[in-house]
């Protein structure tokens, strides 16, 4: 094997070898093994991100306008709509506020084209409830307290979504990140208006049986894996959550939503912010070694759409594998996301 190909694990030679032993540890954001020792995350993804986000929150230093708009949203109890290019620090902002103010883990609702308001509020698993009734012991009374499918146990089949969990009554607000709202269909921004304005919503499945529940309350599951009690089938917040809506600017939002939000536009990240971003994920040494790649990334970002996570990939790989064609490989990894016309 030549010196120029020493970094290659797969050589394409059609000959088995034990080169996999030379593969370094994965980048922190792709370390799936951390699930085994991390905290309680439903699929481990939040656990893998938590350490990096906490470090980013510690290092995050907002500009004057960003600071003013964040505090305006806190004072006015209004959602903060944050727009800007990928890697500008939109989601980091939410984690920074949660960390500094001691508001717990951020509830995250990633938006896709199929997302609906119902996804954010709650999910009722009627099929599971029916199945539990069907597999109960023959002759058992399904209406008996504690029986599968009984009214008292209906809360076991309801899980609040991120928005629903954020609206649970508490003395201090939760932080909710509604990520990439511009990827939603045309209806979701309008559908959010009433819930964000009123700070409450109904769960019809619980409302219908509230008079048959002990104290009118049902215990339901939450988006972050805990349990909460819902009274009279309605979730009503006491402290309005700090809601961060992010957008990459791929679409305009309706005026009624804009009127109810505090709008913050983040510009392109500068060298200092990108260096902080790299340092939080990969450490000081990698940030210093990748300083030239950060500079090159910023130069390209003036005329091309590129994302900060591509920069992370390039710095990690060129540092961990030390390929001879470092700059060429970095350019291949940082591919423009918009197609030239």
Protein backbone atom coordinates (compact mmCIF):
# COMPACT_ATOMS: atom_id res chain seq x y z
CA UNK A 1 0.00 0.00 0.00
CA UNK A 2 1.47 3.36 -1.00
CA UNK A 3 1.93 6.22 1.49
CA UNK A 4 -0.78 8.24 -0.26
CA UNK A 5 -3.36 5.53 0.42
CA UNK A 6 -2.45 4.67 4.03
CA UNK A 7 -5.51 6.46 5.38
CA UNK A 8 -7.88 4.28 3.36
CA UNK A 9 -9.74 1.59 5.32
CA UNK A 10 -11.57 0.12 2.34
CA UNK A 11 -9.00 -0.29 -0.48
CA UNK A 12 -11.18 -1.70 -3.26
CA UNK A 13 -8.61 -4.45 -3.95
CA UNK A 14 -10.97 -7.39 -3.44
CA UNK A 15 -8.71 -8.87 -0.75
CA UNK A 16 -9.92 -9.33 2.85
CA UNK A 17 -7.80 -7.64 5.54
CA UNK A 18 -8.05 -6.44 9.15
CA UNK A 19 -7.83 -2.72 8.37
CA UNK A 20 -11.05 -1.97 10.23
CA UNK A 21 -9.00 -2.06 13.44
CA UNK A 22 -7.41 1.24 12.33
CA UNK A 23 -10.77 3.05 12.12
CA UNK A 24 -10.72 5.85 14.74
CA UNK A 25 -13.53 6.65 17.15
CA UNK A 26 -16.60 8.15 15.45
CA UNK A 27 -17.28 11.88 15.52
CA UNK A 28 -19.28 12.83 18.63
CA UNK A 29 -22.49 13.46 16.67
CA UNK A 30 -22.35 9.91 15.19
CA UNK A 31 -21.36 8.05 18.35
CA UNK A 32 -24.24 5.59 18.65
CA UNK A 33 -22.44 3.55 21.33
CA UNK A 34 -22.93 6.46 23.77
CA UNK A 35 -26.55 5.35 24.06
CA UNK A 36 -25.43 2.58 26.39
CA UNK A 37 -24.17 5.00 29.06
CA UNK A 38 -26.15 8.15 28.28
CA UNK A 39 -29.30 9.39 29.97
CA UNK A 40 -32.87 8.45 29.18
CA UNK A 41 -33.55 9.37 25.60
CA UNK A 42 -36.22 7.51 23.65
CA UNK A 43 -33.91 6.63 20.76
CA UNK A 44 -30.56 7.88 22.01
CA UNK A 45 -30.40 10.71 19.48
CA UNK A 46 -31.07 13.42 22.05
CA UNK A 47 -28.47 11.87 24.36
CA UNK A 48 -25.83 12.01 21.64
CA UNK A 49 -26.59 15.67 20.97
CA UNK A 50 -26.93 16.77 24.58
CA UNK A 51 -23.26 17.04 25.47
CA UNK A 52 -22.39 18.99 22.33
CA UNK A 53 -25.37 21.31 22.76
CA UNK A 54 -24.45 21.95 26.39
CA UNK A 55 -20.92 22.85 25.37
CA UNK A 56 -22.25 25.10 22.60
CA UNK A 57 -24.56 26.77 25.10
CA UNK A 58 -21.61 27.47 27.40
CA UNK A 59 -19.62 29.06 24.58
CA UNK A 60 -22.48 30.86 22.81
CA UNK A 61 -22.02 34.63 22.83
CA UNK A 62 -24.95 36.40 21.14
CA UNK A 63 -24.61 39.77 19.47
CA UNK A 64 -26.38 42.89 20.76
CA UNK A 65 -29.44 42.56 18.50
CA UNK A 66 -29.76 38.83 19.18
CA UNK A 67 -29.58 39.48 22.91
CA UNK A 68 -32.27 42.15 22.75
CA UNK A 69 -34.70 40.03 20.73
CA UNK A 70 -34.26 37.01 23.02
CA UNK A 71 -35.04 39.14 26.06
CA UNK A 72 -37.99 40.75 24.29
CA UNK A 73 -39.47 37.30 23.70
CA UNK A 74 -38.91 36.39 27.36
CA UNK A 75 -40.53 39.58 28.65
CA UNK A 76 -43.50 39.47 26.26
CA UNK A 77 -44.06 35.69 26.48
CA UNK A 78 -44.03 35.55 22.68
CA UNK A 79 -42.50 32.91 20.37
CA UNK A 80 -39.15 33.86 18.87
CA UNK A 81 -38.96 33.28 15.11
CA UNK A 82 -35.29 32.91 14.15
CA UNK A 83 -34.35 32.95 10.47
CA UNK A 84 -30.96 32.55 8.86
CA UNK A 85 -28.76 30.28 6.81
CA UNK A 86 -27.79 26.75 7.93
CA UNK A 87 -25.15 26.90 10.64
CA UNK A 88 -26.00 30.44 11.77
CA UNK A 89 -26.69 29.21 15.30
CA UNK A 90 -30.49 29.18 15.27
CA UNK A 91 -31.00 26.00 17.31
CA UNK A 92 -27.99 26.73 19.54
CA UNK A 93 -29.83 29.82 20.74
CA UNK A 94 -32.57 27.70 22.33
CA UNK A 95 -30.05 25.51 24.15
CA UNK A 96 -28.12 28.56 25.33
CA UNK A 97 -31.23 30.11 26.92
CA UNK A 98 -32.22 26.80 28.55
CA UNK A 99 -28.72 26.28 29.93
CA UNK A 100 -28.19 29.80 31.30
CA UNK A 101 -31.63 30.10 32.89
CA UNK A 102 -31.73 26.54 34.25
CA UNK A 103 -34.86 25.55 32.31
CA UNK A 104 -33.98 21.89 31.76
CA UNK A 105 -33.50 19.97 28.53
CA UNK A 106 -34.82 21.55 25.36
CA UNK A 107 -37.94 19.95 23.89
CA UNK A 108 -37.34 19.60 20.14
CA UNK A 109 -39.96 19.25 17.42
CA UNK A 110 -38.25 18.74 14.02
CA UNK A 111 -40.64 19.73 11.25
CA UNK A 112 -41.05 17.84 7.96
CA UNK A 113 -43.50 18.28 5.11
CA UNK A 114 -45.92 15.80 6.71
CA UNK A 115 -45.92 17.40 10.19
CA UNK A 116 -49.28 18.44 11.59
CA UNK A 117 -50.34 20.33 14.70
CA UNK A 118 -51.58 17.04 16.15
CA UNK A 119 -48.02 15.64 16.00
CA UNK A 120 -46.84 18.42 18.26
CA UNK A 121 -49.74 18.23 20.72
CA UNK A 122 -50.39 14.55 21.48
CA UNK A 123 -50.92 11.07 20.09
CA UNK A 124 -53.71 8.72 21.19
CA UNK A 125 -52.98 5.07 20.46
CA UNK A 126 -56.52 3.73 20.05
CA UNK A 127 -55.28 0.59 18.31
CA UNK A 128 -53.07 -0.42 21.25
CA UNK A 129 -55.96 0.16 23.64
CA UNK A 130 -58.24 -2.05 21.56
CA UNK A 131 -55.59 -4.76 21.35
CA UNK A 132 -55.14 -4.74 25.11
CA UNK A 133 -58.87 -5.24 25.57
CA UNK A 134 -58.89 -8.13 23.09
CA UNK A 135 -56.03 -10.01 24.75
CA UNK A 136 -57.40 -9.54 28.28
CA UNK A 137 -58.44 -12.65 30.19
CA UNK A 138 -61.68 -14.16 28.82
CA UNK A 139 -64.70 -13.00 30.74
CA UNK A 140 -62.90 -10.04 32.34
CA UNK A 141 -64.91 -6.84 32.65
CA UNK A 142 -63.12 -4.24 30.45
CA UNK A 143 -64.80 -1.45 32.41
CA UNK A 144 -63.44 -2.64 35.77
CA UNK A 145 -60.88 -0.30 37.38
CA UNK A 146 -57.36 -1.30 36.38
CA UNK A 147 -58.53 -3.58 33.57
CA UNK A 148 -56.88 -3.19 30.14
CA UNK A 149 -58.77 -0.50 28.28
CA UNK A 150 -60.56 0.80 31.39
CA UNK A 151 -61.41 4.48 31.66
CA UNK A 152 -58.94 4.90 34.53
CA UNK A 153 -56.11 3.60 32.35
CA UNK A 154 -56.83 5.69 29.26
CA UNK A 155 -53.86 7.96 29.99
CA UNK A 156 -51.49 5.07 29.29
CA UNK A 157 -52.44 5.33 25.62
CA UNK A 158 -51.83 9.07 25.32
CA UNK A 159 -48.40 10.60 24.78
CA UNK A 160 -47.96 14.35 24.65
CA UNK A 161 -45.86 15.71 21.82
CA UNK A 162 -43.11 18.34 22.28
CA UNK A 163 -45.55 21.25 22.05
CA UNK A 164 -48.05 19.54 24.34
CA UNK A 165 -45.33 18.79 26.90
CA UNK A 166 -44.09 22.40 26.80
CA UNK A 167 -47.61 23.61 27.64
CA UNK A 168 -47.95 21.52 30.80
CA UNK A 169 -48.55 23.72 33.85
CA UNK A 170 -45.33 24.55 35.71
CA UNK A 171 -43.87 27.43 37.70
CA UNK A 172 -41.00 27.93 35.25
CA UNK A 173 -41.22 27.76 31.45
CA UNK A 174 -39.88 24.92 29.33
CA UNK A 175 -37.86 25.67 26.21
CA UNK A 176 -39.36 24.35 22.97
CA UNK A 177 -37.46 24.29 19.68
CA UNK A 178 -39.73 24.00 16.64
CA UNK A 179 -37.01 23.33 14.11
CA UNK A 180 -37.21 24.25 10.40
CA UNK A 181 -40.81 25.41 10.30
CA UNK A 182 -40.32 26.45 6.68
CA UNK A 183 -40.29 22.76 5.71
CA UNK A 184 -43.93 22.32 6.81
CA UNK A 185 -46.93 22.26 4.54
CA UNK A 186 -48.88 25.48 4.03
CA UNK A 187 -51.35 24.85 6.87
CA UNK A 188 -49.12 24.22 9.90
CA UNK A 189 -48.02 27.85 10.59
CA UNK A 190 -51.68 28.95 10.65
CA UNK A 191 -52.68 25.93 12.74
CA UNK A 192 -50.14 26.91 15.39
CA UNK A 193 -51.65 30.36 15.89
CA UNK A 194 -54.44 29.54 18.32
CA UNK A 195 -52.40 27.21 20.53
CA UNK A 196 -49.50 29.67 20.77
CA UNK A 197 -51.91 32.52 21.49
CA UNK A 198 -54.06 30.75 24.09
CA UNK A 199 -51.39 28.58 25.71
CA UNK A 200 -53.76 25.63 26.05
CA UNK A 201 -55.41 22.82 24.12
CA UNK A 202 -57.97 20.07 24.64
CA UNK A 203 -57.57 16.30 24.50
CA UNK A 204 -61.08 15.18 23.42
CA UNK A 205 -60.44 11.55 24.41
CA UNK A 206 -59.96 12.72 28.01
CA UNK A 207 -62.64 15.39 27.98
CA UNK A 208 -65.29 12.78 27.16
CA UNK A 209 -64.51 10.69 30.23
CA UNK A 210 -63.29 13.38 32.65
CA UNK A 211 -66.34 12.94 34.91
CA UNK A 212 -65.46 9.24 35.31
CA UNK A 213 -61.81 9.78 36.17
CA UNK A 214 -60.64 10.01 39.82
CA UNK A 215 -60.59 13.73 40.52
CA UNK A 216 -61.10 14.34 36.81
CA UNK A 217 -57.42 13.62 36.21
CA UNK A 218 -55.54 11.22 33.95
CA UNK A 219 -51.85 10.38 34.00
CA UNK A 220 -50.32 10.63 30.52
CA UNK A 221 -46.88 10.13 29.01
CA UNK A 222 -44.79 13.12 27.91
CA UNK A 223 -42.40 13.76 25.05
CA UNK A 224 -39.36 13.58 27.32
CA UNK A 225 -40.20 10.18 28.78
CA UNK A 226 -41.82 11.20 32.06
CA UNK A 227 -45.45 11.30 33.20
CA UNK A 228 -47.83 14.16 33.94
CA UNK A 229 -51.39 14.58 35.14
CA UNK A 230 -54.00 16.24 32.93
CA UNK A 231 -57.17 17.60 34.57
CA UNK A 232 -60.56 17.81 32.82
CA UNK A 233 -59.02 16.81 29.51
CA UNK A 234 -57.25 20.15 28.96
CA UNK A 235 -53.57 21.12 29.08
CA UNK A 236 -53.15 24.72 30.29
CA UNK A 237 -49.77 26.32 30.79
CA UNK A 238 -49.06 28.58 33.77
CA UNK A 239 -45.69 29.84 32.55
CA UNK A 240 -45.72 30.26 28.77
CA UNK A 241 -42.81 28.26 27.30
CA UNK A 242 -39.89 29.93 25.60
CA UNK A 243 -40.65 28.88 22.02
CA UNK A 244 -38.00 29.15 19.31
CA UNK A 245 -39.24 28.70 15.73
CA UNK A 246 -36.40 28.33 13.23
CA UNK A 247 -36.45 28.81 9.49
CA UNK A 248 -33.80 28.62 6.78
CA UNK A 249 -35.73 31.22 4.79
CA UNK A 250 -37.11 28.78 2.21
CA UNK A 251 -40.59 30.35 2.40
CA UNK A 252 -42.54 33.30 3.78
CA UNK A 253 -44.89 32.92 6.72
CA UNK A 254 -48.42 34.32 7.00
CA UNK A 255 -48.78 37.80 8.52
CA UNK A 256 -50.88 36.57 11.51
CA UNK A 257 -48.00 34.31 12.61
CA UNK A 258 -45.40 37.04 12.09
CA UNK A 259 -47.54 39.44 14.15
CA UNK A 260 -47.55 37.05 17.10
CA UNK A 261 -43.79 36.38 17.03
CA UNK A 262 -40.64 38.30 17.81
CA UNK A 263 -38.56 38.04 14.64
CA UNK A 264 -34.78 37.69 14.74
CA UNK A 265 -32.74 37.49 11.54
CA UNK A 266 -29.28 35.95 12.00
CA UNK A 267 -26.63 36.82 9.47
CA UNK A 268 -23.98 34.49 8.12
CA UNK A 269 -21.76 33.12 10.91
CA UNK A 270 -18.37 34.80 11.15
CA UNK A 271 -15.01 33.15 11.78
CA UNK A 272 -15.29 33.46 15.56
CA UNK A 273 -18.72 31.82 15.71
CA UNK A 274 -17.69 28.96 13.42
CA UNK A 275 -14.53 28.38 15.43
CA UNK A 276 -16.65 28.18 18.59
CA UNK A 277 -18.97 25.72 16.83
CA UNK A 278 -16.03 23.48 15.84
CA UNK A 279 -14.42 23.77 19.27
CA UNK A 280 -17.63 22.70 21.02
CA UNK A 281 -17.90 19.53 18.93
CA UNK A 282 -14.26 18.57 18.32
CA UNK A 283 -12.11 20.39 20.86
CA UNK A 284 -9.53 23.17 20.79
CA UNK A 285 -6.85 21.24 18.89
CA UNK A 286 -9.17 20.36 16.01
CA UNK A 287 -10.40 23.96 15.84
CA UNK A 288 -6.83 25.24 15.56
CA UNK A 289 -5.91 22.61 12.97
CA UNK A 290 -8.99 23.41 10.92
CA UNK A 291 -8.62 27.19 11.03
CA UNK A 292 -7.71 27.37 7.33
CA UNK A 293 -10.72 25.24 6.42
CA UNK A 294 -12.97 27.62 8.37
CA UNK A 295 -11.53 30.53 6.38
CA UNK A 296 -12.06 28.68 3.10
CA UNK A 297 -15.60 27.74 4.15
CA UNK A 298 -16.44 31.39 4.81
CA UNK A 299 -15.07 32.42 1.42
CA UNK A 300 -17.23 29.85 -0.33
CA UNK A 301 -20.30 30.76 1.71
CA UNK A 302 -20.33 34.24 0.14
CA UNK A 303 -21.42 32.79 -3.19
CA UNK A 304 -22.56 29.23 -2.39
CA UNK A 305 -25.03 27.66 0.01
CA UNK A 306 -23.00 25.44 2.35
CA UNK A 307 -23.77 24.18 5.86
CA UNK A 308 -21.73 24.22 9.04
CA UNK A 309 -22.13 20.48 9.61
CA UNK A 310 -20.29 19.91 6.31
CA UNK A 311 -17.41 21.92 7.77
CA UNK A 312 -17.46 19.71 10.86
CA UNK A 313 -17.27 16.59 8.69
CA UNK A 314 -14.33 17.98 6.77
CA UNK A 315 -12.34 19.05 9.84
CA UNK A 316 -12.99 15.79 11.68
CA UNK A 317 -12.02 13.57 8.74
CA UNK A 318 -8.94 15.50 7.70
CA UNK A 319 -7.77 15.59 11.32
CA UNK A 320 -8.57 11.96 12.24
CA UNK A 321 -7.47 10.31 8.99
CA UNK A 322 -4.78 12.76 7.84
CA UNK A 323 -5.27 12.07 4.11
CA UNK A 324 -2.54 13.39 1.79
CA UNK A 325 -5.08 15.24 -0.38
CA UNK A 326 -6.52 17.17 2.56
CA UNK A 327 -7.79 20.26 0.75
CA UNK A 328 -9.28 18.28 -2.12
CA UNK A 329 -11.11 15.94 0.25
CA UNK A 330 -12.43 18.89 2.25
CA UNK A 331 -13.82 20.45 -0.93
CA UNK A 332 -15.52 17.17 -1.82
CA UNK A 333 -17.18 17.03 1.60
CA UNK A 334 -18.27 20.67 1.58
CA UNK A 335 -20.47 20.45 -1.49
CA UNK A 336 -22.69 23.37 -2.35
CA UNK A 337 -26.32 22.75 -1.47
CA UNK A 338 -27.71 25.03 -4.14
CA UNK A 339 -27.22 24.14 -7.78
CA UNK A 340 -25.42 26.73 -9.91
CA UNK A 341 -27.60 28.24 -12.64
